[in-house]
Structure formats: structure tokens, C-alpha cells
Amino acid sequence: MSDSIFIGGGGPDYAAAQTLGLKYANRHGLIAGATGTGKTVTLQILAEGFSAAGVPVFLSDVKGDLSGLAEAGSDDFKLHNAFTTRASKIGLTEYNYQAFPVTFWDLFGQQGHPVRTTLAEMGPLLLSRLMELSEAQEGIMNIAFRVADEQGMPLLDLKDLQSLLVWVGENRETLSLRYGNVSTASVGAIQRQLMVLENQGGTELFGEPALELSDLMHIGADGRGQINILAADKLMGAPRLYATFLLWLLSELFETLPEVGDPDKPKLVFFFDEAHLLFDDAPKALVDKVEQVARLIRSKGVGVYFITQNPDDVPEDILGQLGNRVQHALRAFTARDRKALSRAAETYRPNERFSTVDAIRDVGVGEAVTSMLENKGVPGIVERTLIRPPSSKLGPISDAARRAAMQASPVAGKYEALVDRKSAYEILRDRADEAAKGAAEAEVEAEEKSVAEREFNAGRRYSGKRVDRSTAQPREGMGLQFGRAAANAVLKELKGTTGRRLVRGILGGLFKGR
């Protein structure tokens, strides 16, 4: 069945093959069900099927179990007999154990190759969602990105944005005249959210070398598609970071890949585990973007499969585009649960042999209610299906096996070394250094000028030139000071009445003598 993926056996005795046609695999899908009902195994066998058909896969490993795809199952595994019995029951005659080509990725660079993007590629919308910014703060984020673009300052990592926001705050008056109000309070709030993002691991996410999408779409020499596994157990501690990164990856695929129409099989299949994290408290603009991507990305040859506990976790506009469905058991303990169960059943094409509501409630572990798109994209009749057993190892692999797989992967050594090229932080730092240097030179020049003026003023008092307006008095010896004091006393006396008489007498005598 090279044009389809075997999922399991349906019908009254589970002998009727239930398959997912590769031609319709890019029309998206849903894997839903309560905790412990077998969603992870269903994800594992779908990844195996796509890889064997030459379709690359990207999935996130939330619990650490999916790393077993890199190793073959074993005859001494405790469920070996149960697996072989099930394979025989559903008509899987060629069941055997095998490993699959796996590339491990990790935002923190510990359990896989580092996976990074740049702030510029993430964009202000997703970044604002990631940082839970208000509308006013998102506006300032857009201003910062616009300024960086206009002034040729690449935004690559968090320190680029931090330094740019400082510059925005310092120039808020000028920017407010052009773009609208830029308040220091909003800039400060964004800086605090950046610190939170940094503590959650954002430093590792943003930087270079950025992930090249072509590295996710590798097909080996044996014709099997590469299975890309993102280590997400630690990442789930920052659920908004996890959801925003996967949404960015979807957006990049949508914007980068060429149109291919309806290919015979997908170019890539993308599994979005814990999908409810994408929509929790999401603003309408973000939900609209997800809907746009889900609606249009299939023409790029990409199939998106959402994995969640309840179909209600996915907005109706997006849920309506998920044609291939695997519904594991839903528990109906409350009135709300019963309503959710009824709504889930209503979305399936009914089967006259059983009640869909009862089937969704009653299916056991490893069993599911399935409906796949058939000829011309028509939804298939709902069927109770026993999911086939995995060929790869069920459960995690050892740390040594993970390291060996990383060393043998097609991207070994490509992303490990961080590159810090000149960007906004360095440009603004250089500008600040030049401004500080200019200020220092101006200060030295002013100091030199002040010293020269003081020396010039001091020189005027000793040169004998340009002293007609000077009030400076020369230094005098004690004798000269005494003589001047006596002269002043005589002059004072002469200014008095007796002095005037004396002067008149002297002058009169002189004139009489003549």
C-alpha cells in the first residue's frame, strides 16, 4: 500500500484495513483523546508510516517517549506477544521491528541540536503574543521593529531588542511625533517582559545560525523521510514559548515553501502536540493567523495534525479544516463532558452499526474512532479501529543512543556554535562609543581653551600692554606703602578748608612775585 499509510483494523472483527491516503494527508488532521488512551502511540505509528513513505516529519516530544523512534523494537520487550497478536488480528502480516532515521532538536541545545530563529524572523506579532504584551505595548514593539528596519539595524537576539528599546525610550519625544505616543512606562514594561522571556530560555531561542527549513525536509538515500523530534519536556515549563515557537515554524513554512497544489504525498507533515496551548488566551489576530496558515499551507504540501485531549480545544473554524481524524476515548464524568462528547460525535459521518457517541466513550486503550478522507476528499464513514503496534521502540532511548544519533544526523556540527555578528546591539554600542568619544574630545578642547584664556589673561598683567582698563595693582614694598599713605594724608588735608586757604596763599604769593 505505497499510496497510503496503514493505521489499524476496523469492522466487526477488526480485519478491515483502515488507511490514510497520502494524496489527502496534507489536508490536515486531529488526534484527540483523554490522558492515557493511546494518543502517543498513534502519533508514533503515523510518524513511522510517513517516514516509510518518504515523507519527512516534524513532531514535539512532550513526555520524552517518542525518542524510541530511533531504535527498533525488541523481541524481549514485555509487550512483544501483545503486539504480535494484535498485528495478526488486524491483518498486518509483515509486521517487524525497525528503527527510523531521526534528528533530535532542542531549543536549549541539551537533548538535540540547537534550534534558533531571529527576532526579525519571529516578528512583532508573535513576539508580543509570546511576551503577553498589551495593545499599547505591542504598538511600541511595532515601532521598534520599524525603526530597526529603517535604520538598517538587524534584530537577531534579545540584547539587540533590549538596546533598541533603550534607544527608543531616550528618543521617545521625536518618535512620538511620527508614530504616536511612546511612554517610558510601556517601554519599561516591555523590558521587564524581556527579562522574563530571558529567564524562560529565550536567550537560547533567538540568535544565529537560524534554522534552515530545508534541514527539516531531508530524505535519506534509502528513500525514507527524516523524523525531526523536538525535545519539549523541559520546554513545556514555558508553554507560551513552546506554542509560539511551533506557530512561528508553521508560519515560516507557509511563507517560504513554493505552491505545489495537490501533490501525490506531502512534502512535510507537522504534528502540533498539546495544541490547546496555542489557543489558550490567544488574541483574535493570532487565531486568525493560525486559521489562515491552516487553510493555505496545504497547497504548499504541508499537512498539520493537531494533538489534544478534547476537540473543543481547537476553534471551530480550524477544526472544520481537519479532515483526517483519530478520536481516542473521551470520558463523560460531568454534564460539560457529555456535551463535549456529543459535539465531537456530531462531526463524524455516522456508521449504522454503532452509535458514535457510545463508541467514543467506550473504546479502550489502543483503540480509536477513526475517519479518513476518501476519494475526492470525502470524509470516510466513522469506524472503530484497533491501532496497529509500533515497529520502533516503545519508550525513550538511552542518553548514549541519543548522542550517537545526534553524531550521525545530517546536520551534525552545523548549529552547535553560536554566531554573534554585527547587529542592533553592536551598532547602537558603536554609536554610543562615538558619541562618548566626541563628548570627551569636546571636553578636552574646552579645557585646553579655558587654560589658554587663563594664561592669556594672566600674561596681560605683566606685558605692559593693554592695561589701560586694568584695575590690577602692582605689589608694593613696605617703604613705598608708607610714602603713599603719607601722600594720601597730605592730599586729604589739602582738600580741607585750611588746605584750600594754604593753596590760595601760595598761588597768590607766586602771582604777586611776578
Protein backbone atom coordinates (compact mmCIF):
# COMPACT_ATOMS: atom_id res chain seq x y z
CA MET A 1 0.00 0.00 0.00
CA SER A 2 2.55 2.54 -1.17
CA ASP A 3 -0.10 5.23 -1.69
CA SER A 4 -1.46 5.03 1.86
CA ILE A 5 -0.47 4.51 5.49
CA PHE A 6 -1.85 1.54 7.39
CA ILE A 7 -3.37 2.74 10.67
CA GLY A 8 -5.15 -0.31 12.01
CA GLY A 9 -8.03 -2.71 11.60
CA GLY A 10 -11.73 -1.84 11.72
CA GLY A 11 -15.05 -3.57 11.22
CA PRO A 12 -16.80 -6.11 13.44
CA ASP A 13 -13.70 -8.29 13.81
CA TYR A 14 -11.05 -5.56 13.22
CA ALA A 15 -9.94 -7.22 9.98
CA ALA A 16 -10.83 -4.35 7.62
CA ALA A 17 -7.77 -2.23 6.89
CA GLN A 18 -8.06 1.42 7.88
CA THR A 19 -5.67 3.58 5.92
CA LEU A 20 -4.71 7.22 5.49
CA GLY A 21 -4.34 8.10 1.82
CA LEU A 22 -1.12 10.02 1.15
CA LYS A 23 -2.89 12.10 -1.51
CA TYR A 24 -5.14 13.58 1.21
CA ALA A 25 -2.63 13.60 4.05
CA ASN A 26 -1.87 17.29 3.53
CA ARG A 27 -5.49 18.15 4.34
CA HIS A 28 -4.61 18.11 8.00
CA GLY A 29 -5.85 16.01 10.86
CA LEU A 30 -6.72 15.66 14.52
CA ILE A 31 -5.61 13.18 17.16
CA ALA A 32 -7.70 13.61 20.32
CA GLY A 33 -8.46 11.71 23.48
CA ALA A 34 -8.20 11.72 27.24
CA THR A 35 -4.91 11.14 29.03
CA GLY A 36 -3.71 7.54 28.84
CA THR A 37 -5.87 6.44 25.91
CA GLY A 38 -3.03 5.90 23.41
CA LYS A 39 -2.53 9.22 21.58
CA THR A 40 1.27 8.97 21.81
CA VAL A 41 1.35 5.51 20.18
CA THR A 42 -0.95 6.74 17.40
CA LEU A 43 1.45 9.66 16.81
CA GLN A 44 4.36 7.20 16.75
CA ILE A 45 2.84 4.84 14.19
CA LEU A 46 1.81 7.76 11.95
CA ALA A 47 5.36 9.13 12.05
CA GLU A 48 6.65 5.67 11.10
CA GLY A 49 4.19 5.43 8.24
CA PHE A 50 5.02 8.83 6.79
CA SER A 51 8.77 8.21 7.08
CA ALA A 52 8.48 4.83 5.32
CA ALA A 53 6.53 6.55 2.54
CA GLY A 54 9.32 9.10 2.02
CA VAL A 55 7.62 11.99 3.85
CA PRO A 56 9.67 14.00 6.40
CA VAL A 57 8.01 14.57 9.77
CA PHE A 58 8.31 17.20 12.49
CA LEU A 59 6.93 16.46 15.94
CA SER A 60 7.47 17.54 19.53
CA ASP A 61 8.26 15.03 22.26
CA VAL A 62 6.41 16.33 25.29
CA LYS A 63 6.96 13.32 27.57
CA GLY A 64 10.27 12.00 26.18
CA ASP A 65 8.68 8.79 24.87
CA LEU A 66 8.98 9.42 21.15
CA SER A 67 12.77 9.18 21.08
CA GLY A 68 12.18 5.43 20.72
CA LEU A 69 11.57 6.03 17.01
CA ALA A 70 15.36 5.99 16.60
CA GLU A 71 15.61 2.34 17.77
CA ALA A 72 13.95 -0.86 16.64
CA GLY A 73 11.57 -2.69 18.92
CA SER A 74 12.75 -5.89 20.59
CA ASP A 75 11.51 -9.45 20.90
CA ASP A 76 12.23 -9.36 24.63
CA PHE A 77 10.02 -6.33 25.20
CA LYS A 78 7.25 -7.07 27.68
CA LEU A 79 4.51 -6.24 25.14
CA HIS A 80 6.05 -8.29 22.32
CA ASN A 81 3.42 -11.01 22.46
CA ALA A 82 0.59 -8.50 22.69
CA PHE A 83 1.97 -6.62 19.70
CA THR A 84 2.32 -9.70 17.51
CA THR A 85 -1.16 -10.88 18.48
CA ARG A 86 -2.65 -7.52 17.59
CA ALA A 87 -0.75 -7.42 14.27
CA SER A 88 -2.19 -10.80 13.36
CA LYS A 89 -5.70 -9.74 14.38
CA ILE A 90 -5.73 -6.63 12.18
CA GLY A 91 -4.13 -8.34 9.18
CA LEU A 92 -0.65 -6.79 9.46
CA THR A 93 1.16 -9.85 8.11
CA GLU A 94 4.54 -8.19 7.51
CA TYR A 95 4.94 -6.80 11.00
CA ASN A 96 8.57 -6.47 12.04
CA TYR A 97 10.75 -4.27 14.22
CA GLN A 98 12.85 -1.49 12.71
CA ALA A 99 14.45 1.84 13.57
CA PHE A 100 13.77 5.07 11.68
CA PRO A 101 16.02 7.98 10.71
CA VAL A 102 15.70 10.58 13.46
CA THR A 103 17.15 14.06 14.01
CA PHE A 104 16.90 15.40 17.54
CA TRP A 105 16.37 19.12 18.17
CA ASP A 106 16.31 21.12 21.39
CA LEU A 107 15.82 24.83 22.00
CA PHE A 108 18.22 24.53 24.92
CA GLY A 109 20.81 22.52 22.98
CA GLN A 110 20.96 19.71 25.55
CA GLN A 111 18.96 16.81 24.12
CA GLY A 112 19.37 17.70 20.48
CA HIS A 113 20.87 20.10 18.01
CA PRO A 114 20.21 23.74 18.92
CA VAL A 115 17.29 25.23 17.04
CA ARG A 116 17.19 29.00 16.77
CA THR A 117 15.48 31.81 14.98
CA THR A 118 15.99 35.58 14.95
CA LEU A 119 13.75 38.28 16.36
CA ALA A 120 13.32 39.69 12.86
CA GLU A 121 12.01 36.34 11.60
CA MET A 122 9.72 35.94 14.61
CA GLY A 123 8.17 39.38 14.00
CA PRO A 124 6.40 41.79 16.38
CA LEU A 125 3.03 39.98 16.36
CA LEU A 126 4.27 36.60 17.57
CA LEU A 127 6.81 38.21 19.87
CA SER A 128 4.11 40.32 21.51
CA ARG A 129 2.00 37.20 21.96
CA LEU A 130 4.97 35.41 23.48
CA MET A 131 5.57 38.27 25.94
CA GLU A 132 1.87 38.81 26.73
CA LEU A 133 2.04 42.49 25.84
CA SER A 134 -0.88 44.90 25.96
CA GLU A 135 -2.14 46.65 22.85
CA ALA A 136 -0.17 49.81 23.68
CA GLN A 137 3.00 47.82 24.34
CA GLU A 138 2.53 45.88 21.10
CA GLY A 139 2.34 49.23 19.31
CA ILE A 140 5.72 50.23 20.73
CA MET A 141 7.12 46.85 19.68
CA ASN A 142 5.98 47.56 16.12
CA ILE A 143 7.63 51.00 16.29
CA ALA A 144 10.89 49.41 17.44
CA PHE A 145 10.84 46.93 14.56
CA ARG A 146 10.06 49.72 12.07
CA VAL A 147 12.92 51.88 13.34
CA ALA A 148 15.33 48.93 13.20
CA ASP A 149 14.32 48.24 9.60
CA GLU A 150 14.58 51.89 8.50
CA GLN A 151 17.98 52.39 10.10
CA GLY A 152 19.47 49.10 8.97
CA MET A 153 19.85 47.56 12.42
CA PRO A 154 19.29 43.76 12.31
CA LEU A 155 17.34 42.35 15.25
CA LEU A 156 18.82 38.94 15.92
CA ASP A 157 18.83 38.22 19.65
CA LEU A 158 17.41 39.58 22.89
CA LYS A 159 20.23 42.01 23.59
CA ASP A 160 19.52 43.65 20.23
CA LEU A 161 15.94 44.35 21.26
CA GLN A 162 16.93 45.42 24.77
CA SER A 163 19.40 48.01 23.48
CA LEU A 164 16.96 49.20 20.82
CA LEU A 165 14.23 49.75 23.42
CA VAL A 166 16.66 51.86 25.47
CA TRP A 167 17.26 53.97 22.37
CA VAL A 168 13.50 54.23 21.75
CA GLY A 169 13.00 55.42 25.32
CA GLU A 170 15.72 58.05 25.00
CA ASN A 171 14.25 59.33 21.73
CA ARG A 172 10.58 58.94 22.65
CA GLU A 173 9.72 62.60 22.04
CA THR A 174 10.93 62.51 18.44
CA LEU A 175 9.37 59.10 17.78
CA SER A 176 6.05 60.16 19.33
CA LEU A 177 5.71 62.97 16.80
CA ARG A 178 5.98 60.47 13.95
CA TYR A 179 4.46 57.22 15.22
CA GLY A 180 2.26 58.18 18.17
CA ASN A 181 2.73 58.19 21.92
CA VAL A 182 5.76 56.31 23.24
CA SER A 183 5.64 56.23 27.02
CA THR A 184 8.51 55.33 29.29
CA ALA A 185 6.14 53.18 31.36
CA SER A 186 5.32 50.97 28.36
CA VAL A 187 8.97 50.71 27.34
CA GLY A 188 9.83 49.70 30.90
CA ALA A 189 7.06 47.08 30.93
CA ILE A 190 8.41 45.54 27.71
CA GLN A 191 11.91 45.44 29.19
CA ARG A 192 10.59 43.56 32.22
CA GLN A 193 8.82 41.04 29.99
CA LEU A 194 12.05 40.58 28.06
CA MET A 195 13.74 39.67 31.32
CA VAL A 196 11.01 37.08 31.99
CA LEU A 197 11.45 35.68 28.47
CA GLU A 198 15.20 35.50 29.01
CA ASN A 199 14.68 33.53 32.22
CA GLN A 200 12.41 31.09 30.36
CA GLY A 201 15.08 30.26 27.79
CA GLY A 202 14.54 32.94 25.16
CA THR A 203 18.28 33.61 25.05
CA GLU A 204 18.78 30.16 23.52
CA LEU A 205 15.89 30.52 21.07
CA PHE A 206 16.94 33.81 19.49
CA GLY A 207 20.24 34.01 17.65
CA GLU A 208 22.23 32.62 14.75
CA PRO A 209 22.75 30.37 12.93
CA ALA A 210 18.99 30.29 12.42
CA LEU A 211 17.23 27.08 11.49
CA GLU A 212 17.11 26.34 7.77
CA LEU A 213 13.78 24.78 6.84
CA SER A 214 15.44 22.54 4.28
CA ASP A 215 17.13 20.70 7.15
CA LEU A 216 13.69 19.55 8.32
CA MET A 217 12.82 18.08 4.92
CA HIS A 218 15.69 15.65 4.44
CA ILE A 219 15.06 12.36 2.66
CA GLY A 220 17.69 9.65 3.10
CA ALA A 221 19.39 7.55 0.48
CA ASP A 222 17.01 4.68 1.33
CA GLY A 223 14.05 6.88 0.40
CA ARG A 224 12.74 7.28 3.94
CA GLY A 225 11.81 10.68 5.28
CA GLN A 226 13.67 12.13 8.24
CA ILE A 227 11.74 12.27 11.54
CA ASN A 228 12.57 15.52 13.35
CA ILE A 229 11.91 15.30 17.09
CA LEU A 230 11.87 18.46 19.21
CA ALA A 231 12.67 17.76 22.86
CA ALA A 232 9.80 19.52 24.62
CA ASP A 233 9.71 18.04 28.13
CA LYS A 234 11.70 20.95 29.57
CA LEU A 235 10.20 23.41 27.12
CA MET A 236 6.73 22.68 28.47
CA GLY A 237 7.76 24.61 31.58
CA ALA A 238 7.31 27.70 29.40
CA PRO A 239 4.14 26.75 27.47
CA ARG A 240 3.78 30.10 25.71
CA LEU A 241 7.34 29.84 24.41
CA TYR A 242 6.61 26.31 23.18
CA ALA A 243 3.39 27.26 21.38
CA THR A 244 4.81 30.45 19.86
CA PHE A 245 7.87 28.66 18.51
CA LEU A 246 5.79 25.99 16.78
CA LEU A 247 3.47 28.63 15.35
CA TRP A 248 6.48 30.56 14.06
CA LEU A 249 7.75 27.38 12.41
CA LEU A 250 4.40 26.85 10.72
CA SER A 251 4.36 30.46 9.53
CA GLU A 252 7.88 30.15 8.14
CA LEU A 253 6.91 27.02 6.23
CA PHE A 254 3.89 28.81 4.84
CA GLU A 255 5.84 31.90 3.76
CA THR A 256 8.89 30.06 2.42
CA LEU A 257 7.72 26.95 0.59
CA PRO A 258 6.50 27.22 -3.01
CA GLU A 259 3.00 26.35 -4.15
CA VAL A 260 2.66 22.71 -5.21
CA GLY A 261 -1.12 22.29 -5.45
CA ASP A 262 -2.27 18.77 -4.57
CA PRO A 263 0.83 16.54 -4.58
CA ASP A 264 0.71 12.75 -4.51
CA LYS A 265 2.09 12.91 -0.98
CA PRO A 266 3.00 15.72 1.43
CA LYS A 267 6.36 17.47 1.40
CA LEU A 268 6.29 17.57 5.21
CA VAL A 269 3.90 16.54 7.98
CA PHE A 270 3.81 18.69 11.09
CA PHE A 271 2.42 17.34 14.39
CA PHE A 272 1.39 20.01 16.91
CA ASP A 273 1.15 18.27 20.31
CA GLU A 274 -0.66 19.92 23.24
CA ALA A 275 -2.46 22.09 20.69
CA HIS A 276 -4.64 23.77 23.30
CA LEU A 277 -1.58 25.79 24.38
CA LEU A 278 -1.72 27.56 21.03
CA PHE A 279 -5.23 28.87 21.59
CA ASP A 280 -5.40 29.49 25.34
CA ASP A 281 -6.00 33.22 25.87
CA ALA A 282 -4.88 33.88 22.30
CA PRO A 283 -5.96 37.24 20.82
CA LYS A 284 -8.23 37.16 17.79
CA ALA A 285 -5.46 38.39 15.49
CA LEU A 286 -3.37 35.35 16.39
CA VAL A 287 -6.22 32.87 15.98
CA ASP A 288 -6.94 34.42 12.58
CA LYS A 289 -3.32 33.90 11.61
CA VAL A 290 -3.43 30.24 12.63
CA GLU A 291 -6.61 29.78 10.63
CA GLN A 292 -5.01 31.41 7.59
CA VAL A 293 -1.94 29.21 7.83
CA ALA A 294 -4.01 26.03 8.29
CA ARG A 295 -6.23 26.92 5.34
CA LEU A 296 -3.49 27.80 2.89
CA ILE A 297 -0.44 25.76 3.88
CA ARG A 298 -1.85 22.54 2.43
CA SER A 299 -1.24 23.99 -1.04
CA LYS A 300 2.44 24.15 -0.03
CA GLY A 301 2.37 20.39 0.51
CA VAL A 302 2.41 20.56 4.32
CA GLY A 303 -0.02 18.55 6.46
CA VAL A 304 -0.71 19.79 10.00
CA TYR A 305 -2.02 17.42 12.68
CA PHE A 306 -3.24 18.85 15.99
CA ILE A 307 -2.98 16.63 19.07
CA THR A 308 -5.06 17.50 22.11
CA GLN A 309 -7.29 15.96 24.75
CA ASN A 310 -10.59 17.40 23.58
CA PRO A 311 -11.66 18.58 20.12
CA ASP A 312 -13.19 21.63 21.83
CA ASP A 313 -9.65 22.86 22.45
CA VAL A 314 -9.44 23.76 18.75
CA PRO A 315 -11.52 26.70 17.42
CA GLU A 316 -14.38 25.64 15.12
CA ASP A 317 -13.03 27.45 12.05
CA ILE A 318 -9.80 25.46 12.32
CA LEU A 319 -11.46 22.22 13.43
CA GLY A 320 -13.55 22.25 10.26
CA GLN A 321 -10.38 22.01 8.16
CA LEU A 322 -9.10 18.84 9.86
CA GLY A 323 -10.28 16.09 7.55
CA ASN A 324 -8.36 13.08 8.91
CA ARG A 325 -9.33 12.20 12.48
CA VAL A 326 -8.31 9.70 15.11
CA GLN A 327 -10.50 10.06 18.19
CA HIS A 328 -9.47 8.12 21.25
CA ALA A 329 -11.75 7.77 24.26
CA LEU A 330 -13.37 10.82 25.86
CA ARG A 331 -14.58 10.48 29.41
CA ALA A 332 -18.01 11.88 30.29
CA PHE A 333 -17.94 12.43 34.04
CA THR A 334 -19.74 15.79 34.07
CA ALA A 335 -22.53 17.48 32.14
CA ARG A 336 -19.94 19.58 30.36
CA ASP A 337 -18.04 16.42 29.36
CA ARG A 338 -21.24 14.88 27.95
CA LYS A 339 -21.90 17.97 25.84
CA ALA A 340 -18.32 17.89 24.54
CA LEU A 341 -18.72 14.19 23.73
CA SER A 342 -21.92 14.84 21.77
CA ARG A 343 -20.33 17.70 19.84
CA ALA A 344 -17.36 15.50 18.94
CA ALA A 345 -19.65 12.71 17.69
CA GLU A 346 -21.66 15.10 15.52
CA THR A 347 -18.60 15.90 13.40
CA TYR A 348 -18.31 12.33 12.07
CA ARG A 349 -20.09 10.64 9.20
CA PRO A 350 -22.28 8.09 11.06
CA ASN A 351 -21.94 4.33 10.89
CA GLU A 352 -25.18 2.34 11.04
CA ARG A 353 -23.52 -0.48 13.02
CA PHE A 354 -22.96 1.55 16.20
CA SER A 355 -23.59 4.87 17.96
CA THR A 356 -20.67 7.25 17.51
CA VAL A 357 -21.26 8.75 20.94
CA ASP A 358 -21.13 5.35 22.60
CA ALA A 359 -18.06 4.35 20.60
CA ILE A 360 -16.08 7.46 21.57
CA ARG A 361 -16.96 6.89 25.20
CA ASP A 362 -16.30 3.14 25.27
CA VAL A 363 -13.21 2.47 23.11
CA GLY A 364 -10.31 1.03 25.10
CA VAL A 365 -6.61 1.86 25.23
CA GLY A 366 -5.04 1.42 21.80
CA GLU A 367 -8.40 1.65 20.12
CA ALA A 368 -9.93 4.71 18.48
CA VAL A 369 -12.78 6.03 16.39
CA THR A 370 -11.34 6.97 13.01
CA SER A 371 -12.44 8.77 9.89
CA MET A 372 -10.11 9.42 6.96
CA LEU A 373 -10.65 11.35 3.76
CA GLU A 374 -11.50 9.13 0.81
CA ASN A 375 -11.81 9.67 -2.94
CA LYS A 376 -12.28 13.31 -3.89
CA GLY A 377 -11.68 14.31 -0.29
CA VAL A 378 -14.97 12.96 1.07
CA PRO A 379 -14.89 12.10 4.82
CA GLY A 380 -14.97 8.36 5.36
CA ILE A 381 -17.61 6.63 7.47
CA VAL A 382 -16.62 6.55 11.11
CA GLU A 383 -15.13 3.23 12.25
CA ARG A 384 -13.95 1.66 15.48
CA THR A 385 -10.29 0.89 14.82
CA LEU A 386 -7.67 -1.14 16.64
CA ILE A 387 -4.44 0.85 16.16
CA ARG A 388 -1.51 -1.13 14.79
CA PRO A 389 1.53 -1.74 17.07
CA PRO A 390 4.69 0.35 16.51
CA SER A 391 7.73 -1.10 14.78
CA SER A 392 10.15 1.12 16.67
CA LYS A 393 10.89 1.01 20.38
CA LEU A 394 8.02 1.93 22.67
CA GLY A 395 9.51 4.35 25.22
CA PRO A 396 12.63 6.53 25.45
CA ILE A 397 16.12 5.58 24.35
CA SER A 398 19.27 5.92 26.46
CA ASP A 399 21.38 9.08 26.58
CA ALA A 400 24.22 7.26 24.83
CA ALA A 401 21.93 6.20 21.98
CA ARG A 402 20.67 9.79 21.66
CA ARG A 403 24.23 11.13 21.43
CA ALA A 404 25.08 8.54 18.78
CA ALA A 405 22.02 9.53 16.74
CA MET A 406 23.00 13.21 17.00
CA GLN A 407 26.53 12.49 15.79
CA ALA A 408 25.17 10.56 12.79
CA SER A 409 22.47 13.09 11.84
CA PRO A 410 22.68 15.08 8.58
CA VAL A 411 23.10 18.40 10.48
CA ALA A 412 25.76 17.28 12.98
CA GLY A 413 28.00 20.26 13.84
CA LYS A 414 26.03 22.80 11.83
CA TYR A 415 24.14 24.61 14.59
CA GLU A 416 26.21 23.93 17.71
CA ALA A 417 28.46 27.04 17.53
CA LEU A 418 26.67 30.32 18.21
CA VAL A 419 27.43 33.16 15.77
CA ASP A 420 27.16 36.75 17.02
CA ARG A 421 27.52 39.03 14.01
CA LYS A 422 27.10 42.80 13.99
CA SER A 423 23.51 43.73 14.68
CA ALA A 424 21.43 46.36 16.50
CA TYR A 425 23.28 45.95 19.81
CA GLU A 426 26.72 46.44 18.25
CA ILE A 427 25.53 49.31 16.01
CA LEU A 428 23.99 51.22 18.92
CA ARG A 429 27.03 50.48 21.09
CA ASP A 430 29.35 51.88 18.40
CA ARG A 431 27.16 54.97 18.11
CA ALA A 432 27.28 55.44 21.87
CA ASP A 433 31.06 54.98 21.86
CA GLU A 434 31.46 57.56 19.09
CA ALA A 435 29.19 59.99 20.92
CA ALA A 436 31.14 59.46 24.17
CA LYS A 437 34.42 59.91 22.33
CA GLY A 438 33.18 63.12 20.70
CA ALA A 439 31.99 64.42 24.07
CA ALA A 440 35.34 63.59 25.64
CA GLU A 441 37.22 65.35 22.83
CA ALA A 442 34.97 68.39 23.16
CA GLU A 443 35.57 68.45 26.90
CA VAL A 444 39.35 68.28 26.41
CA GLU A 445 39.17 71.02 23.79
CA ALA A 446 37.11 73.21 26.09
CA GLU A 447 39.53 72.58 28.95
CA GLU A 448 42.52 73.47 26.75
CA LYS A 449 40.76 76.62 25.59
CA SER A 450 39.97 77.60 29.18
CA VAL A 451 43.60 77.09 30.21
CA ALA A 452 44.79 79.21 27.26
CA GLU A 453 42.41 82.00 28.16
CA ARG A 454 43.58 81.99 31.77
CA GLU A 455 47.19 82.11 30.66
CA PHE A 456 46.42 84.95 28.26
CA ASN A 457 44.64 86.96 30.94
CA ALA A 458 47.50 86.37 33.36
CA GLY A 459 50.00 87.46 30.67
CA ARG A 460 48.24 90.79 30.12
CA ARG A 461 49.10 91.92 33.65
CA TYR A 462 52.86 91.58 33.09
CA SER A 463 53.32 92.57 29.44
CA GLY A 464 52.78 96.31 29.84
CA LYS A 465 50.28 96.18 27.01
CA ARG A 466 46.54 96.63 27.03
CA VAL A 467 46.45 97.69 30.69
CA ASP A 468 44.61 100.97 30.25
CA ARG A 469 41.48 99.43 31.69
CA SER A 470 43.17 97.20 34.14
CA THR A 471 42.36 97.74 37.81
CA ALA A 472 45.09 95.41 38.97
CA GLN A 473 47.52 96.98 41.43
CA PRO A 474 51.27 96.19 41.40
CA ARG A 475 52.75 94.70 44.50
CA GLU A 476 54.47 97.31 46.70
CA GLY A 477 57.25 97.29 49.28
CA MET A 478 56.68 98.49 52.87
CA GLY A 479 58.50 101.82 52.31
CA LEU A 480 56.53 102.61 49.20
CA GLN A 481 53.33 101.79 51.02
CA PHE A 482 54.26 104.20 53.89
CA GLY A 483 55.13 107.01 51.44
CA ARG A 484 51.85 106.55 49.64
CA ALA A 485 49.97 106.67 52.97
CA ALA A 486 51.68 109.96 53.88
CA ALA A 487 50.90 111.45 50.48
CA ASN A 488 47.27 110.48 50.87
CA ALA A 489 47.14 112.18 54.26
CA VAL A 490 48.58 115.41 52.82
CA LEU A 491 46.15 115.24 49.93
CA LYS A 492 43.27 114.85 52.34
CA GLU A 493 44.43 117.83 54.34
CA LEU A 494 44.73 119.91 51.23
CA LYS A 495 41.19 119.07 50.31
CA GLY A 496 40.00 120.59 53.60
CA THR A 497 39.31 124.35 54.37
CA THR A 498 42.76 125.00 55.77
CA GLY A 499 44.31 123.35 52.81
CA ARG A 500 42.37 125.44 50.36
CA ARG A 501 43.47 128.62 52.14
CA LEU A 502 47.07 127.44 52.03
CA VAL A 503 46.84 126.78 48.32
CA ARG A 504 45.31 130.16 47.65
CA GLY A 505 48.11 131.82 49.72
CA ILE A 506 50.82 130.02 47.87
CA LEU A 507 49.30 130.78 44.49
CA GLY A 508 48.73 134.41 45.45
CA GLY A 509 52.33 134.76 46.56
CA LEU A 510 53.53 133.28 43.35
CA PHE A 511 51.46 135.64 41.24
CA LYS A 512 52.47 138.64 43.35
CA GLY A 513 56.06 137.72 42.82
CA ARG A 514 55.51 138.00 39.11
